[in-house]
Amino acid sequence: MIMADIKPEVLEAVKQQAKEGRIACAAARKLAEEFKVPYRVIGEAADELKIKIHSCELGCF
């Protein structure tokens, strides 16, 4: 998925939630649920924006 495929409002929400270039996994999941998109869309938005996901409950990040 390229940035053009991700809705601008999703990108903006990820930017708004990110502090110092990082977003908590729980916050990312909440955004996905709010926008009714798969979790991976939020992950891809974060990747495109060069934002790191942290505090993953699964230990992935």
C-alpha atoms as a PDB file:
ATOM      1  CA  MET A   1       0.000   0.000   0.000  1.00  0.00           C
ATOM      2  CA  ILE A   2       1.297   3.434  -0.858  1.00  0.00           C
ATOM      3  CA  MET A   3       0.449   6.641   0.929  1.00  0.00           C
ATOM      4  CA  ALA A   4      -2.128   7.562  -1.724  1.00  0.00           C
ATOM      5  CA  ASP A   5      -4.142   4.467  -0.727  1.00  0.00           C
ATOM      6  CA  ILE A   6      -4.349   5.580   2.910  1.00  0.00           C
ATOM      7  CA  LYS A   7      -7.074   8.114   3.609  1.00  0.00           C
ATOM      8  CA  PRO A   8      -5.689  11.559   4.498  1.00  0.00           C
ATOM      9  CA  GLU A   9      -7.716  11.644   7.710  1.00  0.00           C
ATOM     10  CA  VAL A  10      -6.051   8.400   8.846  1.00  0.00           C
ATOM     11  CA  LEU A  11      -2.591   9.816   8.135  1.00  0.00           C
ATOM     12  CA  GLU A  12      -3.448  12.999  10.012  1.00  0.00           C
ATOM     13  CA  ALA A  13      -4.798  11.061  13.011  1.00  0.00           C
ATOM     14  CA  VAL A  14      -1.611   8.981  13.201  1.00  0.00           C
ATOM     15  CA  LYS A  15       0.473  12.182  13.047  1.00  0.00           C
ATOM     16  CA  GLN A  16      -1.627  13.761  15.800  1.00  0.00           C
ATOM     17  CA  GLN A  17      -1.249  10.739  18.097  1.00  0.00           C
ATOM     18  CA  ALA A  18       2.499  10.427  17.545  1.00  0.00           C
ATOM     19  CA  LYS A  19       4.728  12.038  20.130  1.00  0.00           C
ATOM     20  CA  GLU A  20       8.374  12.512  19.177  1.00  0.00           C
ATOM     21  CA  GLY A  21       7.954  10.243  16.161  1.00  0.00           C
ATOM     22  CA  ARG A  22       6.436   7.359  18.143  1.00  0.00           C
ATOM     23  CA  ILE A  23       2.949   5.996  18.761  1.00  0.00           C
ATOM     24  CA  ALA A  24       1.937   3.373  21.314  1.00  0.00           C
ATOM     25  CA  CYS A  25       0.567   0.127  19.937  1.00  0.00           C
ATOM     26  CA  ALA A  26      -2.631   0.560  21.974  1.00  0.00           C
ATOM     27  CA  ALA A  27      -3.176   4.029  20.458  1.00  0.00           C
ATOM     28  CA  ALA A  28      -2.573   2.650  16.962  1.00  0.00           C
ATOM     29  CA  ARG A  29      -5.117  -0.132  17.526  1.00  0.00           C
ATOM     30  CA  LYS A  30      -7.641   2.388  18.838  1.00  0.00           C
ATOM     31  CA  LEU A  31      -7.224   4.513  15.706  1.00  0.00           C
ATOM     32  CA  ALA A  32      -7.782   1.444  13.525  1.00  0.00           C
ATOM     33  CA  GLU A  33     -10.998   0.679  15.369  1.00  0.00           C
ATOM     34  CA  GLU A  34     -12.183   4.315  15.186  1.00  0.00           C
ATOM     35  CA  PHE A  35     -11.566   4.477  11.434  1.00  0.00           C
ATOM     36  CA  LYS A  36     -12.787   0.903  10.888  1.00  0.00           C
ATOM     37  CA  VAL A  37      -9.630  -0.123   9.042  1.00  0.00           C
ATOM     38  CA  PRO A  38      -7.383  -3.151   9.545  1.00  0.00           C
ATOM     39  CA  TYR A  39      -4.564  -2.686  12.048  1.00  0.00           C
ATOM     40  CA  ARG A  40      -2.038  -3.062   9.246  1.00  0.00           C
ATOM     41  CA  VAL A  41      -3.366   0.132   7.581  1.00  0.00           C
ATOM     42  CA  ILE A  42      -2.385   2.122  10.663  1.00  0.00           C
ATOM     43  CA  GLY A  43       0.980   0.347  10.671  1.00  0.00           C
ATOM     44  CA  GLU A  44       1.514   1.213   7.024  1.00  0.00           C
ATOM     45  CA  ALA A  45       0.513   4.834   7.700  1.00  0.00           C
ATOM     46  CA  ALA A  46       3.059   4.946  10.523  1.00  0.00           C
ATOM     47  CA  ASP A  47       5.709   3.468   8.214  1.00  0.00           C
ATOM     48  CA  GLU A  48       4.964   6.044   5.511  1.00  0.00           C
ATOM     49  CA  LEU A  49       5.188   8.839   8.084  1.00  0.00           C
ATOM     50  CA  LYS A  50       8.415   7.396   9.580  1.00  0.00           C
ATOM     51  CA  ILE A  51       6.652   6.935  12.933  1.00  0.00           C
ATOM     52  CA  LYS A  52       7.707   4.042  15.162  1.00  0.00           C
ATOM     53  CA  ILE A  53       5.186   1.899  17.019  1.00  0.00           C
ATOM     54  CA  HIS A  54       6.174   1.133  20.623  1.00  0.00           C
ATOM     55  CA  SER A  55       4.871  -0.601  23.739  1.00  0.00           C
ATOM     56  CA  CYS A  56       3.449  -3.558  21.813  1.00  0.00           C
ATOM     57  CA  GLU A  57       1.655  -5.960  24.110  1.00  0.00           C
ATOM     58  CA  LEU A  58       2.807  -8.822  21.881  1.00  0.00           C
ATOM     59  CA  GLY A  59       6.443  -7.774  22.048  1.00  0.00           C
ATOM     60  CA  CYS A  60       6.659  -7.196  18.288  1.00  0.00           C
ATOM     61  CA  PHE A  61       7.917  -3.614  18.476  1.00  0.00           C
END
